Amino acid sequence: MTDHRTYLLEIYAAGLAAVNGEQAVYRALLARGKRESGHVVAIGKAADAMFSGAARYLKGNLQSGLVITKHGHASSLVRDNVQVIESAHPIPDESSLQAGEALMAYLQNLPEDASVLFLISGGASSLVEVLDEGWNLPRLQQATHDMLANGAVISEINAMRRTLSLIKGGKLWQYLGKRSVRCLLMSDVPDDDPAVIGSGLLFPAPNPDFDWEIVASNQQMLTAIATDYPVHIMPDFLEGDAEVVAHLCVEHLRNSEPGLYAWGAETTLELPLNPGYGGRNQHLALTAALYLRSDDNILLLVAGTDGTDGVTTDTGAIVDKNSVQRGKYHQLDPLVCLQTADAGTFLAASGDCIHTGPTGTNVMDMILGLKLS
């Protein structure tokens, strides 16, 4: 099984490379053919990589920059004219409000005729915030925690965030004046709706001719891997409860011809009062592992694209027939781990977790199923 696992990891890595933030931004700017001077604001879990793509393209024409990303997702690259801020995700904290203050100060200090390129990726909703009157950090944290724990989808969470923010839902425009603004986005939401990505910092836009573009998405990733591998790209984007999706994937593989199958996904997970260590992808993978105990010929990879899953530093897992047995050897009960949202503990013991570190992208999740002959 080791070679089959390596094969799945290679395909997964190829998918990540196809939507790498640096390459995606660089390609998009190169296609436009104008190397104008300007200022760059990058916000999101892929902000560091996206900013690197803009800096690579602009070279000496980069006048200044602001990068706001998740703790641990900033590179060691230091530039004299670039401010880098790391803040909290998925639950905002004081650093998120400090990032909001830094964003306001940065925009206010720009020349009135400045050209600003915004690079926005998923995670921006939690990473930067300026709260409306009547809201405070504890109330925001509780509202976010409750929605995440109850399995709310990203569009629902971001709709809540837009109502309490002074910068989300297109409200950031009030701080931009008449400055020239462009925006490149990496989509971490179904249907690639720019008003949902990052809770719509610049959407809706006041000008219908606003220059914006999606430079990386889940569908682009799947299309790219299908170009290089004999993979069946499944038309259904998988949403909803992680356990239900696990069952659907396993049943599909059991009833299909041998081969490689790929789904885009963004599942949800309801959490108990005191959740253990894990995330939706690890939960889905462990659920699938229970179904696979009688299947010698099926492997399933379930992973995020940003390098993390829930509150963990693993991004998912690869499971097979023997995953449950390997975990039980360490005196762990898979059913208890699922009930306590502790799938990460079980999968770490079974040796099935996938660890990448920050990937430089964020386009939701990928599920790869391999059925052997």
Protein backbone atom coordinates (compact mmCIF):
# COMPACT_ATOMS: atom_id res chain seq x y z
CA MET A 1 0.00 0.00 0.00
CA THR A 2 2.95 2.35 0.48
CA ASP A 3 3.36 2.98 -3.26
CA HIS A 4 -0.35 3.70 -3.62
CA ARG A 5 -0.18 6.19 -0.77
CA THR A 6 2.79 7.90 -2.40
CA TYR A 7 0.85 8.08 -5.65
CA LEU A 8 -2.09 9.81 -3.95
CA LEU A 9 0.24 12.25 -2.19
CA GLU A 10 1.91 13.08 -5.51
CA ILE A 11 -1.44 13.89 -7.09
CA TYR A 12 -2.43 15.96 -4.07
CA ALA A 13 0.88 17.88 -4.28
CA ALA A 14 0.34 18.46 -8.00
CA GLY A 15 -3.06 19.93 -7.25
CA LEU A 16 -1.60 22.31 -4.67
CA ALA A 17 1.13 23.39 -7.09
CA ALA A 18 -1.43 24.17 -9.78
CA VAL A 19 -3.10 26.80 -7.58
CA ASN A 20 -0.05 28.09 -5.74
CA GLY A 21 -0.63 31.72 -4.79
CA GLU A 22 2.67 33.07 -6.05
CA GLN A 23 2.33 31.46 -9.46
CA ALA A 24 -1.37 32.30 -9.78
CA VAL A 25 -0.84 36.00 -9.09
CA TYR A 26 2.26 36.25 -11.22
CA ARG A 27 0.49 34.61 -14.20
CA ALA A 28 -2.53 36.89 -13.82
CA LEU A 29 -0.43 40.06 -13.72
CA LEU A 30 1.78 38.89 -16.58
CA ALA A 31 -1.30 38.30 -18.72
CA ARG A 32 -2.33 41.92 -18.25
CA GLY A 33 0.99 43.15 -19.62
CA LYS A 34 1.24 46.39 -17.61
CA ARG A 35 4.05 46.74 -15.10
CA GLU A 36 2.83 49.89 -13.35
CA SER A 37 4.07 51.16 -10.01
CA GLY A 38 1.76 50.51 -7.10
CA HIS A 39 0.99 49.45 -3.56
CA VAL A 40 -0.05 45.90 -2.63
CA VAL A 41 -2.36 44.72 0.16
CA ALA A 42 -2.51 40.93 0.65
CA ILE A 43 -4.95 39.44 3.18
CA GLY A 44 -5.70 35.77 3.87
CA LYS A 45 -4.12 32.42 4.58
CA ALA A 46 -2.41 32.52 1.17
CA ALA A 47 -1.45 36.20 1.47
CA ASP A 48 2.29 35.62 1.78
CA ALA A 49 2.50 33.55 -1.41
CA MET A 50 0.16 35.86 -3.34
CA PHE A 51 2.20 38.88 -2.29
CA SER A 52 5.38 37.15 -3.46
CA GLY A 53 3.81 36.72 -6.89
CA ALA A 54 2.98 40.43 -7.09
CA ALA A 55 6.45 41.44 -5.86
CA ARG A 56 8.07 39.14 -8.41
CA TYR A 57 6.09 40.78 -11.19
CA LEU A 58 6.36 44.40 -10.05
CA LYS A 59 10.06 44.16 -9.07
CA GLY A 60 11.31 47.72 -8.52
CA ASN A 61 7.86 49.16 -9.15
CA LEU A 62 6.53 47.90 -5.81
CA GLN A 63 6.11 51.06 -3.75
CA SER A 64 4.85 49.51 -0.49
CA GLY A 65 2.96 46.55 0.84
CA LEU A 66 0.88 45.20 3.69
CA VAL A 67 0.57 41.45 4.30
CA ILE A 68 -1.96 40.08 6.83
CA THR A 69 -1.92 36.31 7.24
CA LYS A 70 -2.45 33.51 9.71
CA HIS A 71 0.01 32.86 12.54
CA GLY A 72 2.79 30.68 11.15
CA HIS A 73 1.96 31.39 7.50
CA ALA A 74 4.36 34.29 6.90
CA SER A 75 7.73 33.64 5.30
CA SER A 76 11.01 34.97 6.60
CA LEU A 77 11.31 37.35 3.66
CA VAL A 78 11.79 40.91 4.92
CA ARG A 79 11.38 44.05 2.81
CA ASP A 80 11.94 47.57 4.04
CA ASN A 81 8.68 48.88 2.57
CA VAL A 82 6.44 45.93 3.50
CA GLN A 83 4.60 45.42 6.78
CA VAL A 84 3.77 41.80 7.71
CA ILE A 85 1.16 41.00 10.36
CA GLU A 86 0.14 37.55 11.59
CA SER A 87 -3.24 37.14 13.26
CA ALA A 88 -5.84 34.59 14.34
CA HIS A 89 -7.88 31.99 12.48
CA PRO A 90 -10.51 30.51 12.65
CA ILE A 91 -11.54 32.39 15.81
CA PRO A 92 -10.53 36.07 15.70
CA ASP A 93 -8.67 37.52 18.66
CA GLU A 94 -7.03 40.81 19.63
CA SER A 95 -4.49 40.38 16.84
CA SER A 96 -7.35 40.43 14.31
CA LEU A 97 -8.46 43.83 15.59
CA GLN A 98 -4.86 45.06 15.56
CA ALA A 99 -4.62 43.93 11.95
CA GLY A 100 -7.76 45.95 11.22
CA GLU A 101 -6.18 49.03 12.75
CA ALA A 102 -3.03 48.47 10.72
CA LEU A 103 -5.07 48.15 7.51
CA MET A 104 -6.89 51.42 8.22
CA ALA A 105 -3.63 53.23 8.99
CA TYR A 106 -1.96 51.86 5.86
CA LEU A 107 -4.78 53.01 3.58
CA GLN A 108 -5.04 56.42 5.23
CA ASN A 109 -1.32 57.02 4.68
CA LEU A 110 -1.39 56.20 0.97
CA PRO A 111 -1.24 59.10 -1.51
CA GLU A 112 -4.67 60.11 -2.78
CA ASP A 113 -3.68 59.16 -6.33
CA ALA A 114 -2.17 55.79 -5.34
CA SER A 115 -2.82 52.57 -7.26
CA VAL A 116 -3.63 49.69 -4.91
CA LEU A 117 -3.62 46.00 -5.77
CA PHE A 118 -5.60 43.85 -3.33
CA LEU A 119 -4.81 40.14 -3.07
CA ILE A 120 -7.52 38.36 -1.07
CA SER A 121 -7.75 34.72 -0.06
CA GLY A 122 -9.77 32.69 2.40
CA GLY A 123 -9.26 33.34 6.08
CA ALA A 124 -9.41 37.11 5.66
CA SER A 125 -12.73 37.18 7.54
CA SER A 126 -11.08 36.14 10.80
CA LEU A 127 -7.63 37.64 10.24
CA VAL A 128 -8.64 41.29 9.98
CA GLU A 129 -11.55 43.13 11.54
CA VAL A 130 -12.85 46.57 12.43
CA LEU A 131 -15.97 46.16 14.53
CA ASP A 132 -19.13 48.19 14.17
CA GLU A 133 -20.54 50.01 17.19
CA GLY A 134 -22.27 47.64 19.59
CA TRP A 135 -19.89 44.76 18.93
CA ASN A 136 -16.84 43.77 20.94
CA LEU A 137 -14.27 40.99 20.66
CA PRO A 138 -15.84 38.55 23.18
CA ARG A 139 -19.20 38.81 21.43
CA LEU A 140 -17.57 38.29 18.03
CA GLN A 141 -15.62 35.28 19.30
CA GLN A 142 -18.71 33.68 20.82
CA ALA A 143 -20.77 34.21 17.68
CA THR A 144 -18.00 32.70 15.52
CA HIS A 145 -17.48 29.76 17.87
CA ASP A 146 -21.19 28.97 18.02
CA MET A 147 -21.58 28.96 14.24
CA LEU A 148 -18.50 26.79 13.71
CA ALA A 149 -19.60 24.35 16.41
CA ASN A 150 -23.06 24.03 14.90
CA GLY A 151 -21.70 23.13 11.47
CA ALA A 152 -22.55 26.40 9.71
CA VAL A 153 -21.30 26.70 6.13
CA ILE A 154 -18.84 29.42 5.20
CA SER A 155 -21.44 31.58 3.44
CA GLU A 156 -23.53 31.68 6.63
CA ILE A 157 -20.55 32.53 8.82
CA ASN A 158 -19.37 35.27 6.49
CA ALA A 159 -22.87 36.73 6.22
CA MET A 160 -22.81 37.16 9.99
CA ARG A 161 -19.38 38.77 9.83
CA ARG A 162 -20.51 41.28 7.21
CA THR A 163 -23.26 42.60 9.48
CA LEU A 164 -20.92 43.45 12.36
CA SER A 165 -17.97 44.81 10.43
CA LEU A 166 -16.97 48.29 9.29
CA ILE A 167 -14.82 46.87 6.46
CA LYS A 168 -16.62 43.71 5.21
CA GLY A 169 -19.45 43.58 2.69
CA GLY A 170 -17.81 46.22 0.48
CA LYS A 171 -17.50 48.73 3.33
CA LEU A 172 -13.73 48.97 2.83
CA TRP A 173 -14.41 51.27 -0.13
CA GLN A 174 -15.23 54.15 2.23
CA TYR A 175 -11.55 54.19 3.23
CA LEU A 176 -10.17 54.07 -0.31
CA GLY A 177 -11.35 57.42 -1.63
CA LYS A 178 -10.64 57.91 -5.33
CA ARG A 179 -7.59 55.66 -5.42
CA SER A 180 -7.26 53.22 -8.31
CA VAL A 181 -8.07 49.70 -7.06
CA ARG A 182 -7.66 46.24 -8.57
CA CYS A 183 -8.29 42.91 -6.89
CA LEU A 184 -7.10 39.35 -7.48
CA LEU A 185 -8.85 36.66 -5.43
CA MET A 186 -8.24 33.04 -4.51
CA SER A 187 -11.57 31.33 -3.94
CA ASP A 188 -12.23 29.20 -0.86
CA VAL A 189 -16.02 29.22 -1.32
CA PRO A 190 -18.48 27.24 -3.46
CA ASP A 191 -19.42 29.00 -6.73
CA ASP A 192 -16.44 31.39 -6.28
CA ASP A 193 -18.65 34.25 -5.09
CA PRO A 194 -16.36 37.28 -4.45
CA ALA A 195 -18.87 38.66 -1.94
CA VAL A 196 -18.30 35.59 0.26
CA ILE A 197 -14.50 35.29 -0.09
CA GLY A 198 -13.06 37.06 2.95
CA SER A 199 -16.61 38.30 3.72
CA GLY A 200 -16.41 40.60 0.71
CA LEU A 201 -13.94 43.30 1.72
CA LEU A 202 -14.45 44.96 -1.68
CA PHE A 203 -17.79 43.41 -2.66
CA PRO A 204 -20.28 44.58 -3.60
CA ALA A 205 -18.23 47.18 -5.44
CA PRO A 206 -19.67 50.68 -6.05
CA ASN A 207 -18.45 50.59 -9.64
CA PRO A 208 -19.70 47.82 -11.96
CA ASP A 209 -16.47 48.16 -13.96
CA PHE A 210 -14.31 47.34 -10.93
CA ASP A 211 -11.28 45.34 -12.11
CA TRP A 212 -11.21 41.97 -10.32
CA GLU A 213 -10.39 38.35 -11.15
CA ILE A 214 -10.45 34.90 -9.56
CA VAL A 215 -6.91 33.58 -10.06
CA ALA A 216 -7.21 30.21 -8.28
CA SER A 217 -10.14 27.97 -7.38
CA ASN A 218 -11.02 24.41 -6.47
CA GLN A 219 -12.19 23.68 -10.00
CA GLN A 220 -8.94 25.00 -11.47
CA MET A 221 -7.04 22.65 -9.18
CA LEU A 222 -9.09 19.60 -10.21
CA THR A 223 -8.84 20.50 -13.90
CA ALA A 224 -5.06 20.78 -13.59
CA ILE A 225 -4.55 17.36 -12.04
CA ALA A 226 -6.83 15.79 -14.64
CA THR A 227 -4.45 17.09 -17.30
CA ASP A 228 -1.53 15.10 -15.90
CA TYR A 229 -3.19 12.05 -14.32
CA PRO A 230 -5.84 9.55 -15.44
CA VAL A 231 -8.38 10.80 -12.93
CA HIS A 232 -12.18 10.95 -13.01
CA ILE A 233 -13.21 14.45 -11.88
CA MET A 234 -16.55 14.08 -10.19
CA PRO A 235 -19.11 16.73 -11.16
CA ASP A 236 -20.69 16.99 -7.70
CA PHE A 237 -19.09 19.39 -5.24
CA LEU A 238 -19.44 17.69 -1.85
CA GLU A 239 -20.95 19.72 0.97
CA GLY A 240 -22.76 18.94 4.20
CA ASP A 241 -22.05 16.66 7.12
CA ALA A 242 -18.59 15.06 6.97
CA GLU A 243 -19.86 11.62 8.04
CA VAL A 244 -22.55 11.58 5.36
CA VAL A 245 -20.01 12.58 2.71
CA ALA A 246 -17.62 9.84 3.88
CA HIS A 247 -20.32 7.24 3.31
CA LEU A 248 -21.16 8.63 -0.13
CA CYS A 249 -17.53 8.55 -1.26
CA VAL A 250 -16.92 5.00 -0.08
CA GLU A 251 -20.14 3.74 -1.67
CA HIS A 252 -19.28 5.45 -4.94
CA LEU A 253 -15.88 3.78 -5.03
CA ARG A 254 -17.34 0.38 -4.21
CA ASN A 255 -19.78 0.69 -7.11
CA SER A 256 -17.31 2.10 -9.64
CA GLU A 257 -14.74 0.66 -12.00
CA PRO A 258 -11.11 0.59 -10.79
CA GLY A 259 -9.43 3.97 -11.13
CA LEU A 260 -8.75 7.31 -9.53
CA TYR A 261 -11.62 9.63 -8.54
CA ALA A 262 -11.45 13.24 -7.37
CA TRP A 263 -13.99 15.48 -5.66
CA GLY A 264 -13.92 19.09 -4.57
CA ALA A 265 -15.38 19.48 -1.10
CA GLU A 266 -16.25 21.78 1.79
CA THR A 267 -17.90 19.67 4.47
CA THR A 268 -19.16 20.65 7.92
CA LEU A 269 -18.84 19.17 11.37
CA GLU A 270 -20.92 19.75 14.48
CA LEU A 271 -18.72 19.87 17.57
CA PRO A 272 -19.40 18.60 21.11
CA LEU A 273 -18.97 20.93 24.09
CA ASN A 274 -15.33 19.98 24.61
CA PRO A 275 -13.98 18.88 21.24
CA GLY A 276 -10.76 16.95 20.97
CA TYR A 277 -8.03 17.29 18.35
CA GLY A 278 -9.13 17.21 14.75
CA GLY A 279 -10.93 18.89 11.88
CA ARG A 280 -13.58 18.14 9.29
CA ASN A 281 -11.17 16.36 6.92
CA GLN A 282 -9.73 14.10 9.60
CA HIS A 283 -13.26 13.39 10.84
CA LEU A 284 -14.35 12.46 7.32
CA ALA A 285 -11.26 10.27 6.84
CA LEU A 286 -11.74 8.36 10.09
CA THR A 287 -15.42 7.81 9.31
CA ALA A 288 -14.42 6.44 5.91
CA ALA A 289 -11.81 4.20 7.56
CA LEU A 290 -14.57 2.47 9.52
CA TYR A 291 -16.46 1.75 6.30
CA LEU A 292 -13.30 0.50 4.56
CA ARG A 293 -12.47 -2.30 7.00
CA SER A 294 -13.77 -4.88 4.52
CA ASP A 295 -12.29 -3.28 1.39
CA ASP A 296 -8.83 -4.48 0.37
CA ASN A 297 -8.76 -2.38 -2.79
CA ILE A 298 -9.74 1.17 -1.76
CA LEU A 299 -7.73 4.09 -0.37
CA LEU A 300 -9.12 7.54 0.38
CA LEU A 301 -7.22 10.82 0.75
CA VAL A 302 -9.11 13.68 2.39
CA ALA A 303 -7.24 16.96 2.79
CA GLY A 304 -7.53 20.72 2.90
CA THR A 305 -5.46 22.88 0.60
CA ASP A 306 -4.19 25.49 3.08
CA GLY A 307 -2.11 23.14 5.23
CA THR A 308 -4.43 23.02 8.24
CA ASP A 309 -7.61 21.24 9.27
CA GLY A 310 -9.70 22.71 12.07
CA VAL A 311 -7.40 23.69 14.92
CA THR A 312 -4.73 21.15 13.92
CA THR A 313 -1.46 21.52 12.04
CA ASP A 314 -2.29 18.48 9.91
CA THR A 315 -4.32 19.01 6.77
CA GLY A 316 -6.07 15.64 6.49
CA ALA A 317 -5.34 11.93 6.17
CA ILE A 318 -5.05 8.91 3.89
CA VAL A 319 -6.99 5.87 5.11
CA ASP A 320 -7.31 2.25 4.03
CA LYS A 321 -8.60 -1.09 5.29
CA ASN A 322 -6.05 -1.30 8.10
CA SER A 323 -6.28 2.26 9.46
CA VAL A 324 -8.71 1.34 12.22
CA GLN A 325 -6.63 -1.66 13.27
CA ARG A 326 -3.46 0.46 13.44
CA GLY A 327 -5.16 3.04 15.65
CA LYS A 328 -6.70 0.44 17.94
CA TYR A 329 -3.22 -0.97 18.55
CA HIS A 330 -2.60 2.24 20.52
CA GLN A 331 -5.65 1.63 22.73
CA LEU A 332 -7.83 4.14 20.90
CA ASP A 333 -11.50 3.65 20.04
CA PRO A 334 -12.45 5.16 16.65
CA LEU A 335 -16.11 5.59 17.61
CA VAL A 336 -15.21 7.46 20.80
CA CYS A 337 -12.79 9.64 18.84
CA LEU A 338 -15.53 10.52 16.36
CA GLN A 339 -18.04 11.26 19.13
CA THR A 340 -15.56 13.61 20.84
CA ALA A 341 -14.30 15.23 17.59
CA ASP A 342 -10.88 13.73 18.31
CA ALA A 343 -10.20 12.10 14.93
CA GLY A 344 -6.79 13.74 14.71
CA THR A 345 -5.56 11.86 17.76
CA PHE A 346 -6.63 8.52 16.30
CA LEU A 347 -5.19 9.20 12.83
CA ALA A 348 -1.90 10.40 14.27
CA ALA A 349 -1.62 7.10 16.14
CA SER A 350 -2.54 5.09 13.04
CA GLY A 351 0.10 6.92 11.02
CA ASP A 352 -2.41 8.28 8.49
CA CYS A 353 -2.20 12.07 8.98
CA ILE A 354 -0.99 14.35 6.20
CA HIS A 355 1.26 17.23 7.22
CA THR A 356 2.35 19.85 4.68
CA GLY A 357 2.81 23.08 6.62
CA PRO A 358 1.53 26.28 4.97
CA THR A 359 0.92 25.58 1.29
CA GLY A 360 0.62 29.05 -0.24
CA THR A 361 -2.92 28.34 -1.40
CA ASN A 362 -6.46 27.95 -0.06
CA VAL A 363 -9.12 26.58 -2.42
CA MET A 364 -11.25 24.43 -0.11
CA ASP A 365 -10.74 20.65 0.14
CA MET A 366 -9.84 17.72 -2.08
CA ILE A 367 -10.97 14.10 -1.80
CA LEU A 368 -9.07 11.50 -3.80
CA GLY A 369 -10.34 7.93 -3.98
CA LEU A 370 -8.23 5.14 -5.46
CA LYS A 371 -9.90 1.84 -6.34
CA LEU A 372 -7.47 -0.89 -7.29
CA SER A 373 -8.27 -3.68 -9.72
